[in-house]
């Protein structure tokens, strides 16, 4: 019993000393114009007995101030070795979060030393800071991620030829070993696999991409902004277009095809899309109508979606001179890319499109058309064409309810990652790990 009481008394003394140290530091920071705060998500900084029960979360400005002090502090980077090599805060030592277990790290022999912890975005640093505090380290301060750090960053030696072509405003990006193509693939995979949960990962890779290749960085920032807009903010118009769109031939209406029956006849869903398209064509009598979709009938290779769609529209009164047939595509990504090529080559007056599809497919289709159009215009230095509106045939298809997965497959196909795109289309993919 005496040993237990003695151990409990030591624990309380340690926590009391740590609390006094923290309060002293907070006072110093407040006097310097900063504002410390308890660890986010870890409850109050003091427990019911007035003792410290967690690490302290501070701002990066506070951390920078503390780094100016000659008090024996240590800055700990808890990322991976490759991330550390790509760029770290001067003087920081590397102790990867995954290496911190139950035993105190050999690099940190003094449990009363001030320890300033950071990672890439702030997630791993919080985990590591709590683990260190639970081990008995009394002065642990977590200050977020290096992606928000505005102070100096040092890097490992880099290839001089690489440095020569990369803007030197961001040494972390300059030293990153990934190519622009690899970064773009990761941007798509993270957003497509985790949506908003991976915003930090997407933001970091866009930042590096913009430093390595400003044109690509600007392009993909636009595309990713549109991806969010299409799924969260874009209005979907049921069965007809708004009345305030451009008249004349500067806007065309694009009708997206749908898989044919095995015998080569159209499914009811596709006929519903055509009925909506016919209404839109009547609203805008000068607009061209693009029918897009290739041969998808298992037992009839002579027909295509676009061909049958054009025939249906003509049979229901549409003037053939308004029809544009794109009959080579088999996916939404190909619908977009092939349609752009036709419009650019033969219809230079067209500057915008309105999409017609099923309601569940509008955001997905709009994303791939806008992304494909932006990418083609950037690469070819050709005029931009934009998706400006839509009209939806009200329909739900259980096979395609996981639209984010299909959007991701389309985006991967857009950048030429066809095998990986098929993994997403077929739902046999493995998500990247959140770092």
Protein backbone atom coordinates (compact mmCIF):
# COMPACT_ATOMS: atom_id res chain seq x y z
CA UNK A 1 0.00 0.00 0.00
CA UNK A 2 2.87 2.37 0.90
CA UNK A 3 4.45 1.71 -2.53
CA UNK A 4 1.15 2.43 -4.31
CA UNK A 5 0.68 5.65 -2.34
CA UNK A 6 4.25 6.69 -3.10
CA UNK A 7 3.76 6.00 -6.85
CA UNK A 8 0.49 7.95 -6.90
CA UNK A 9 2.13 10.85 -5.07
CA UNK A 10 4.97 10.90 -7.62
CA UNK A 11 2.50 10.91 -10.46
CA UNK A 12 0.62 13.84 -8.97
CA UNK A 13 3.82 15.73 -8.31
CA UNK A 14 4.93 15.22 -11.90
CA UNK A 15 1.62 16.38 -13.32
CA UNK A 16 1.54 19.37 -10.96
CA UNK A 17 5.05 20.41 -12.05
CA UNK A 18 4.03 20.02 -15.68
CA UNK A 19 0.92 22.11 -15.11
CA UNK A 20 2.94 24.89 -13.53
CA UNK A 21 5.40 24.79 -16.46
CA UNK A 22 2.56 24.98 -18.97
CA UNK A 23 0.86 27.87 -17.22
CA UNK A 24 4.17 29.70 -17.04
CA UNK A 25 4.67 29.20 -20.76
CA UNK A 26 1.12 30.34 -21.57
CA UNK A 27 1.69 33.50 -19.56
CA UNK A 28 4.91 34.18 -21.46
CA UNK A 29 3.18 33.61 -24.79
CA UNK A 30 0.26 35.84 -23.89
CA UNK A 31 2.63 38.59 -22.91
CA UNK A 32 4.32 38.28 -26.30
CA UNK A 33 1.00 38.67 -28.15
CA UNK A 34 0.23 34.99 -28.83
CA UNK A 35 -2.48 32.72 -27.45
CA UNK A 36 -1.93 29.14 -26.37
CA UNK A 37 -4.82 26.66 -26.16
CA UNK A 38 -5.52 23.13 -24.90
CA UNK A 39 -5.10 20.17 -27.21
CA UNK A 40 -8.03 20.10 -29.64
CA UNK A 41 -10.31 17.13 -29.09
CA UNK A 42 -8.54 15.99 -25.93
CA UNK A 43 -10.76 17.70 -23.39
CA UNK A 44 -9.70 20.26 -20.81
CA UNK A 45 -5.99 20.73 -20.26
CA UNK A 46 -6.42 20.21 -16.50
CA UNK A 47 -8.23 17.34 -14.83
CA UNK A 48 -10.55 17.62 -11.84
CA UNK A 49 -7.59 17.88 -9.45
CA UNK A 50 -6.13 20.83 -11.37
CA UNK A 51 -3.39 18.70 -12.95
CA UNK A 52 -2.29 18.42 -16.57
CA UNK A 53 -3.92 15.54 -18.44
CA UNK A 54 -2.80 16.12 -22.02
CA UNK A 55 -0.22 17.71 -24.27
CA UNK A 56 -0.71 21.36 -25.19
CA UNK A 57 -1.74 22.39 -28.69
CA UNK A 58 -0.23 25.70 -29.77
CA UNK A 59 -0.26 27.78 -32.92
CA UNK A 60 2.60 27.81 -35.37
CA UNK A 61 3.35 31.40 -34.39
CA UNK A 62 3.69 30.29 -30.78
CA UNK A 63 5.94 27.42 -31.82
CA UNK A 64 8.13 29.76 -33.86
CA UNK A 65 8.42 32.05 -30.82
CA UNK A 66 9.41 29.12 -28.58
CA UNK A 67 12.08 28.05 -31.09
CA UNK A 68 13.87 31.35 -30.54
CA UNK A 69 14.47 30.52 -26.86
CA UNK A 70 17.69 28.97 -25.60
CA UNK A 71 15.95 26.55 -23.25
CA UNK A 72 17.09 23.16 -24.49
CA UNK A 73 13.89 22.49 -26.45
CA UNK A 74 13.75 19.92 -29.23
CA UNK A 75 11.64 20.03 -32.40
CA UNK A 76 10.32 16.59 -33.41
CA UNK A 77 9.15 15.73 -36.94
CA UNK A 78 6.93 12.62 -36.77
CA UNK A 79 6.50 12.05 -40.52
CA UNK A 80 8.19 9.38 -42.65
CA UNK A 81 11.85 9.53 -43.65
CA UNK A 82 11.06 10.47 -47.25
CA UNK A 83 8.83 13.33 -46.11
CA UNK A 84 11.50 14.55 -43.71
CA UNK A 85 14.13 14.42 -46.46
CA UNK A 86 11.88 16.41 -48.78
CA UNK A 87 11.78 19.31 -46.34
CA UNK A 88 11.76 19.88 -42.58
CA UNK A 89 12.06 22.65 -40.02
CA UNK A 90 15.73 23.49 -39.31
CA UNK A 91 17.07 21.51 -36.36
CA UNK A 92 14.11 19.12 -36.21
CA UNK A 93 14.88 15.51 -35.42
CA UNK A 94 12.97 12.67 -37.05
CA UNK A 95 10.95 10.26 -34.92
CA UNK A 96 8.21 8.74 -37.13
CA UNK A 97 4.85 8.47 -35.42
CA UNK A 98 4.60 4.77 -36.24
CA UNK A 99 7.91 4.15 -34.43
CA UNK A 100 6.61 5.57 -31.13
CA UNK A 101 5.35 2.64 -29.12
CA UNK A 102 5.27 1.96 -25.39
CA UNK A 103 8.96 2.64 -24.72
CA UNK A 104 10.37 6.19 -24.58
CA UNK A 105 12.27 7.03 -27.80
CA UNK A 106 16.05 6.92 -27.39
CA UNK A 107 16.25 10.35 -29.02
CA UNK A 108 14.31 11.86 -26.10
CA UNK A 109 16.09 10.86 -22.88
CA UNK A 110 14.92 13.87 -20.83
CA UNK A 111 11.24 13.75 -19.90
CA UNK A 112 11.30 17.34 -18.66
CA UNK A 113 12.64 18.72 -21.93
CA UNK A 114 10.35 20.99 -24.01
CA UNK A 115 9.22 18.94 -27.04
CA UNK A 116 7.64 20.69 -30.05
CA UNK A 117 5.88 18.18 -32.32
CA UNK A 118 4.70 18.57 -35.92
CA UNK A 119 3.86 16.40 -38.96
CA UNK A 120 2.46 17.13 -42.40
CA UNK A 121 -1.09 18.25 -41.63
CA UNK A 122 -1.54 17.85 -37.87
CA UNK A 123 -3.08 14.39 -37.57
CA UNK A 124 0.02 12.31 -36.82
CA UNK A 125 1.52 15.02 -34.62
CA UNK A 126 -1.53 14.91 -32.33
CA UNK A 127 -1.27 11.13 -32.05
CA UNK A 128 2.46 11.29 -31.34
CA UNK A 129 2.13 14.14 -28.82
CA UNK A 130 -0.47 12.22 -26.83
CA UNK A 131 1.64 9.06 -26.85
CA UNK A 132 4.67 10.98 -25.58
CA UNK A 133 2.63 12.64 -22.84
CA UNK A 134 1.19 9.28 -21.78
CA UNK A 135 4.76 7.95 -21.46
CA UNK A 136 5.59 10.62 -18.92
CA UNK A 137 7.00 13.47 -21.03
CA UNK A 138 5.89 16.58 -19.18
CA UNK A 139 6.30 19.42 -21.68
CA UNK A 140 4.85 18.28 -25.00
CA UNK A 141 3.54 20.91 -27.43
CA UNK A 142 1.87 20.08 -30.76
CA UNK A 143 1.72 22.74 -33.50
CA UNK A 144 0.18 21.16 -36.58
CA UNK A 145 1.61 20.51 -40.03
CA UNK A 146 4.45 21.71 -42.19
CA UNK A 147 2.04 22.40 -45.05
CA UNK A 148 0.99 25.53 -43.13
CA UNK A 149 4.49 26.46 -41.90
CA UNK A 150 5.62 29.88 -43.13
CA UNK A 151 9.07 29.76 -41.57
CA UNK A 152 12.30 28.36 -42.95
CA UNK A 153 12.43 24.82 -44.33
CA UNK A 154 15.57 22.86 -45.12
CA UNK A 155 15.83 19.93 -47.51
CA UNK A 156 18.06 17.05 -48.40
CA UNK A 157 20.40 17.54 -51.41
CA UNK A 158 18.50 17.48 -54.72
CA UNK A 159 19.32 16.99 -58.36
CA UNK A 160 20.62 20.30 -59.71
CA UNK A 161 18.94 19.74 -63.09
CA UNK A 162 15.60 19.27 -61.32
CA UNK A 163 16.08 22.37 -59.20
CA UNK A 164 16.87 24.41 -62.31
CA UNK A 165 13.38 23.92 -63.73
CA UNK A 166 11.38 24.21 -60.48
CA UNK A 167 10.46 27.57 -58.96
CA UNK A 168 12.62 28.03 -55.86
CA UNK A 169 9.88 29.66 -53.81
CA UNK A 170 9.06 26.27 -52.28
CA UNK A 171 12.04 24.06 -51.43
CA UNK A 172 9.80 21.29 -50.11
CA UNK A 173 8.14 20.97 -53.51
CA UNK A 174 11.50 21.28 -55.27
CA UNK A 175 12.84 18.25 -53.45
CA UNK A 176 9.72 16.11 -53.75
CA UNK A 177 10.62 13.05 -55.85
CA UNK A 178 7.16 12.58 -57.38
CA UNK A 179 6.49 13.57 -60.97
CA UNK A 180 3.52 15.79 -61.88
CA UNK A 181 1.79 12.72 -63.32
CA UNK A 182 2.22 10.82 -60.05
CA UNK A 183 0.91 13.76 -58.06
CA UNK A 184 -2.17 14.10 -60.27
CA UNK A 185 -2.92 10.39 -59.91
CA UNK A 186 -2.63 10.67 -56.12
CA UNK A 187 -4.88 13.75 -56.07
CA UNK A 188 -7.59 11.82 -57.91
CA UNK A 189 -7.19 8.68 -55.79
CA UNK A 190 -7.32 10.47 -52.47
CA UNK A 191 -10.38 12.55 -53.30
CA UNK A 192 -12.08 9.66 -55.07
CA UNK A 193 -11.47 7.27 -52.19
CA UNK A 194 -12.13 9.53 -49.20
CA UNK A 195 -13.88 12.69 -50.47
CA UNK A 196 -13.52 15.52 -47.91
CA UNK A 197 -11.71 13.32 -45.42
CA UNK A 198 -8.65 13.58 -47.68
CA UNK A 199 -8.77 17.35 -48.21
CA UNK A 200 -5.36 17.76 -46.55
CA UNK A 201 -3.77 15.16 -48.80
CA UNK A 202 -5.27 16.76 -51.90
CA UNK A 203 -4.24 20.25 -50.79
CA UNK A 204 -0.65 19.18 -50.15
CA UNK A 205 -0.27 17.50 -53.52
CA UNK A 206 -1.83 20.44 -55.37
CA UNK A 207 0.64 22.71 -53.60
CA UNK A 208 3.59 20.62 -54.75
CA UNK A 209 2.17 20.25 -58.26
CA UNK A 210 1.77 24.03 -58.61
CA UNK A 211 5.41 24.54 -57.65
CA UNK A 212 6.69 21.84 -60.01
CA UNK A 213 4.45 22.66 -62.98
CA UNK A 214 2.44 25.90 -62.61
CA UNK A 215 0.28 25.20 -65.68
CA UNK A 216 -0.71 21.73 -64.46
CA UNK A 217 -1.14 22.99 -60.92
CA UNK A 218 -3.55 25.71 -61.99
CA UNK A 219 -5.44 23.30 -64.25
CA UNK A 220 -5.93 20.65 -61.57
CA UNK A 221 -6.86 23.18 -58.95
CA UNK A 222 -9.72 24.25 -61.26
CA UNK A 223 -10.69 20.64 -61.90
CA UNK A 224 -10.72 19.71 -58.21
CA UNK A 225 -12.76 22.81 -57.36
CA UNK A 226 -15.28 21.78 -60.02
CA UNK A 227 -15.37 18.21 -58.68
CA UNK A 228 -16.52 19.54 -55.31
CA UNK A 229 -18.93 22.02 -56.94
CA UNK A 230 -20.53 19.36 -59.15
CA UNK A 231 -21.39 17.13 -56.19
CA UNK A 232 -22.21 19.71 -53.55
CA UNK A 233 -23.44 22.95 -55.11
CA UNK A 234 -24.41 22.51 -58.74
CA UNK A 235 -28.17 22.81 -59.35
CA UNK A 236 -29.80 19.91 -61.19
CA UNK A 237 -32.72 20.88 -63.40
CA UNK A 238 -35.41 18.27 -63.84
CA UNK A 239 -36.68 17.50 -67.37
CA UNK A 240 -35.90 20.86 -68.93
CA UNK A 241 -33.18 23.52 -69.10
CA UNK A 242 -33.39 26.93 -67.44
CA UNK A 243 -34.84 29.62 -69.69
CA UNK A 244 -31.91 32.07 -69.46
CA UNK A 245 -29.18 30.17 -71.33
CA UNK A 246 -27.54 31.53 -74.52
CA UNK A 247 -29.67 31.42 -77.63
CA UNK A 248 -28.13 30.67 -81.01
CA UNK A 249 -25.42 28.17 -81.84
CA UNK A 250 -22.86 29.13 -79.19
CA UNK A 251 -24.41 26.56 -76.83
CA UNK A 252 -25.04 22.96 -77.80
CA UNK A 253 -27.00 20.29 -75.97
CA UNK A 254 -25.15 17.03 -75.26
CA UNK A 255 -27.25 13.92 -74.69
CA UNK A 256 -25.36 11.13 -72.96
CA UNK A 257 -26.04 7.60 -74.15
CA UNK A 258 -26.79 4.53 -72.06
CA UNK A 259 -26.02 0.84 -72.48
CA UNK A 260 -28.19 -0.85 -75.12
CA UNK A 261 -30.09 -4.08 -74.65
CA UNK A 262 -28.29 -7.17 -75.93
CA UNK A 263 -30.38 -7.17 -79.11
CA UNK A 264 -29.45 -3.58 -79.92
CA UNK A 265 -32.63 -1.85 -78.79
CA UNK A 266 -32.67 1.10 -76.42
CA UNK A 267 -33.46 0.66 -72.73
CA UNK A 268 -36.27 2.73 -71.22
CA UNK A 269 -33.75 4.86 -69.33
CA UNK A 270 -32.14 6.01 -72.57
CA UNK A 271 -35.54 6.79 -74.11
CA UNK A 272 -36.29 8.90 -71.03
CA UNK A 273 -33.10 10.87 -71.60
CA UNK A 274 -34.12 11.45 -75.22
CA UNK A 275 -37.56 12.71 -74.21
CA UNK A 276 -35.87 15.23 -71.93
CA UNK A 277 -33.44 16.17 -74.72
CA UNK A 278 -36.32 16.78 -77.13
CA UNK A 279 -37.88 19.21 -74.65
CA UNK A 280 -34.54 21.04 -74.36
CA UNK A 281 -34.18 21.16 -78.15
CA UNK A 282 -37.58 22.81 -78.36
CA UNK A 283 -36.55 25.35 -75.71
CA UNK A 284 -33.41 26.25 -77.69
CA UNK A 285 -34.33 25.78 -81.38
CA UNK A 286 -30.98 26.90 -82.79
CA UNK A 287 -28.75 24.79 -80.57
CA UNK A 288 -26.92 21.78 -81.98
CA UNK A 289 -27.70 18.43 -80.35
CA UNK A 290 -24.79 16.05 -79.71
CA UNK A 291 -25.70 12.37 -79.30
CA UNK A 292 -22.80 10.51 -77.76
CA UNK A 293 -22.28 6.78 -77.24
CA UNK A 294 -20.77 3.83 -79.10
CA UNK A 295 -21.70 0.21 -79.71
CA UNK A 296 -22.70 -1.52 -76.48
CA UNK A 297 -25.17 -4.21 -77.64
CA UNK A 298 -23.73 -7.64 -76.86
CA UNK A 299 -25.49 -9.38 -79.75
CA UNK A 300 -25.76 -6.60 -82.31
CA UNK A 301 -22.52 -4.94 -83.36
CA UNK A 302 -24.17 -3.00 -86.16
CA UNK A 303 -25.83 -0.39 -83.98
CA UNK A 304 -24.53 2.33 -81.68
CA UNK A 305 -26.15 4.31 -78.89
CA UNK A 306 -25.62 7.62 -80.71
CA UNK A 307 -26.96 6.27 -84.00
CA UNK A 308 -30.17 5.03 -82.43
CA UNK A 309 -30.52 8.22 -80.41
CA UNK A 310 -30.21 10.34 -83.55
CA UNK A 311 -32.79 8.22 -85.35
CA UNK A 312 -35.24 8.55 -82.43
CA UNK A 313 -34.84 12.33 -82.30
CA UNK A 314 -35.38 12.64 -86.06
CA UNK A 315 -38.47 10.43 -85.85
CA UNK A 316 -39.83 12.79 -83.20
CA UNK A 317 -39.36 15.92 -85.27
CA UNK A 318 -35.78 17.13 -84.77
CA UNK A 319 -34.19 18.60 -87.89
CA UNK A 320 -31.31 16.40 -88.99
CA UNK A 321 -29.11 19.48 -89.61
CA UNK A 322 -28.97 20.05 -85.87
CA UNK A 323 -27.63 16.58 -85.08
CA UNK A 324 -24.01 15.78 -84.21
CA UNK A 325 -23.27 12.06 -83.83
CA UNK A 326 -20.35 10.83 -81.71
CA UNK A 327 -20.54 7.03 -81.86
CA UNK A 328 -17.09 5.79 -80.81
CA UNK A 329 -17.18 6.20 -77.03
CA UNK A 330 -17.88 3.55 -74.40
CA UNK A 331 -17.51 5.49 -71.13
CA UNK A 332 -18.47 8.94 -69.90
CA UNK A 333 -14.81 9.98 -70.03
CA UNK A 334 -14.70 9.01 -73.71
CA UNK A 335 -18.06 10.75 -74.33
CA UNK A 336 -16.43 13.95 -73.11
CA UNK A 337 -13.09 13.66 -74.88
CA UNK A 338 -14.49 12.63 -78.27
CA UNK A 339 -17.24 15.27 -78.14
CA UNK A 340 -14.69 18.01 -77.49
CA UNK A 341 -12.61 16.90 -80.48
CA UNK A 342 -15.64 17.06 -82.79
CA UNK A 343 -16.80 20.45 -81.52
CA UNK A 344 -13.33 21.93 -81.73
CA UNK A 345 -12.74 20.68 -85.27
CA UNK A 346 -16.12 21.30 -86.87
CA UNK A 347 -18.16 23.66 -84.69
CA UNK A 348 -15.88 26.50 -83.56
CA UNK A 349 -18.87 28.69 -82.73
CA UNK A 350 -19.74 26.43 -79.77
CA UNK A 351 -18.39 27.79 -76.48
CA UNK A 352 -20.61 26.01 -73.97
CA UNK A 353 -22.65 22.86 -73.49
CA UNK A 354 -25.69 21.80 -71.49
CA UNK A 355 -25.80 18.12 -70.52
CA UNK A 356 -28.82 15.85 -70.64
CA UNK A 357 -28.67 12.57 -68.72
CA UNK A 358 -30.33 10.66 -65.90
CA UNK A 359 -30.54 12.50 -62.59
CA UNK A 360 -27.96 10.30 -60.83
CA UNK A 361 -25.54 10.86 -63.74
CA UNK A 362 -25.64 14.67 -64.02
CA UNK A 363 -22.89 15.52 -61.50
CA UNK A 364 -20.74 12.64 -62.73
CA UNK A 365 -21.17 13.60 -66.39
CA UNK A 366 -20.71 17.32 -65.77
CA UNK A 367 -17.46 16.68 -63.90
CA UNK A 368 -15.96 14.55 -66.64
CA UNK A 369 -17.01 16.90 -69.44
CA UNK A 370 -15.71 20.01 -67.68
CA UNK A 371 -12.47 18.29 -66.62
CA UNK A 372 -11.92 16.82 -70.09
CA UNK A 373 -12.65 20.14 -71.80
CA UNK A 374 -10.33 22.06 -69.46
CA UNK A 375 -7.55 19.50 -69.84
CA UNK A 376 -7.78 19.40 -73.64
CA UNK A 377 -7.84 23.19 -73.94
CA UNK A 378 -4.81 23.51 -71.66
CA UNK A 379 -2.77 20.85 -73.43
CA UNK A 380 -3.66 21.93 -76.97
CA UNK A 381 -3.75 25.67 -76.24
CA UNK A 382 -7.20 25.62 -77.84
CA UNK A 383 -10.43 27.48 -76.97
CA UNK A 384 -12.17 26.48 -73.77
CA UNK A 385 -15.67 25.01 -73.82
CA UNK A 386 -17.57 24.91 -70.53
CA UNK A 387 -20.48 23.00 -69.06
CA UNK A 388 -22.97 25.70 -68.11
CA UNK A 389 -26.18 23.82 -67.31
CA UNK A 390 -28.04 20.50 -67.36
CA UNK A 391 -31.41 18.83 -67.64
CA UNK A 392 -32.07 15.56 -65.85
CA UNK A 393 -34.38 12.69 -66.66
CA UNK A 394 -35.60 11.65 -63.17
CA UNK A 395 -34.29 8.13 -62.72
CA UNK A 396 -32.43 6.11 -60.08
CA UNK A 397 -30.27 3.17 -61.09
CA UNK A 398 -29.10 0.95 -58.23
CA UNK A 399 -26.10 -0.22 -60.25
CA UNK A 400 -24.64 3.29 -60.33
CA UNK A 401 -25.49 4.69 -56.90
CA UNK A 402 -21.82 4.84 -55.80
CA UNK A 403 -21.24 7.79 -58.10
CA UNK A 404 -17.97 8.91 -56.47
CA UNK A 405 -16.39 5.59 -57.43
CA UNK A 406 -17.49 5.94 -61.05
CA UNK A 407 -16.38 9.56 -61.13
CA UNK A 408 -12.95 8.43 -59.92
CA UNK A 409 -12.76 5.78 -62.62
CA UNK A 410 -13.59 8.40 -65.22
CA UNK A 411 -11.01 10.83 -63.89
CA UNK A 412 -8.35 8.11 -63.95
CA UNK A 413 -9.29 7.26 -67.52
CA UNK A 414 -9.00 10.95 -68.35
CA UNK A 415 -5.29 10.88 -67.42
CA UNK A 416 -4.59 7.59 -69.18
CA UNK A 417 -4.65 5.31 -66.11
CA UNK A 418 -6.96 2.81 -67.81
CA UNK A 419 -6.19 -0.37 -65.80
CA UNK A 420 -6.60 1.51 -62.53
CA UNK A 421 -9.77 3.14 -63.89
CA UNK A 422 -11.21 -0.32 -64.57
CA UNK A 423 -10.43 -1.36 -60.99
CA UNK A 424 -12.62 1.52 -59.80
CA UNK A 425 -15.36 0.85 -62.36
CA UNK A 426 -15.44 -2.82 -61.30
CA UNK A 427 -15.19 -2.04 -57.55
CA UNK A 428 -11.98 -4.03 -57.03
CA UNK A 429 -9.67 -1.20 -56.01
CA UNK A 430 -7.61 -0.67 -52.84
CA UNK A 431 -7.77 2.74 -51.22
CA UNK A 432 -4.50 4.61 -50.67
CA UNK A 433 -3.61 5.01 -46.99
CA UNK A 434 -4.36 8.36 -45.39
CA UNK A 435 -1.00 9.77 -44.31
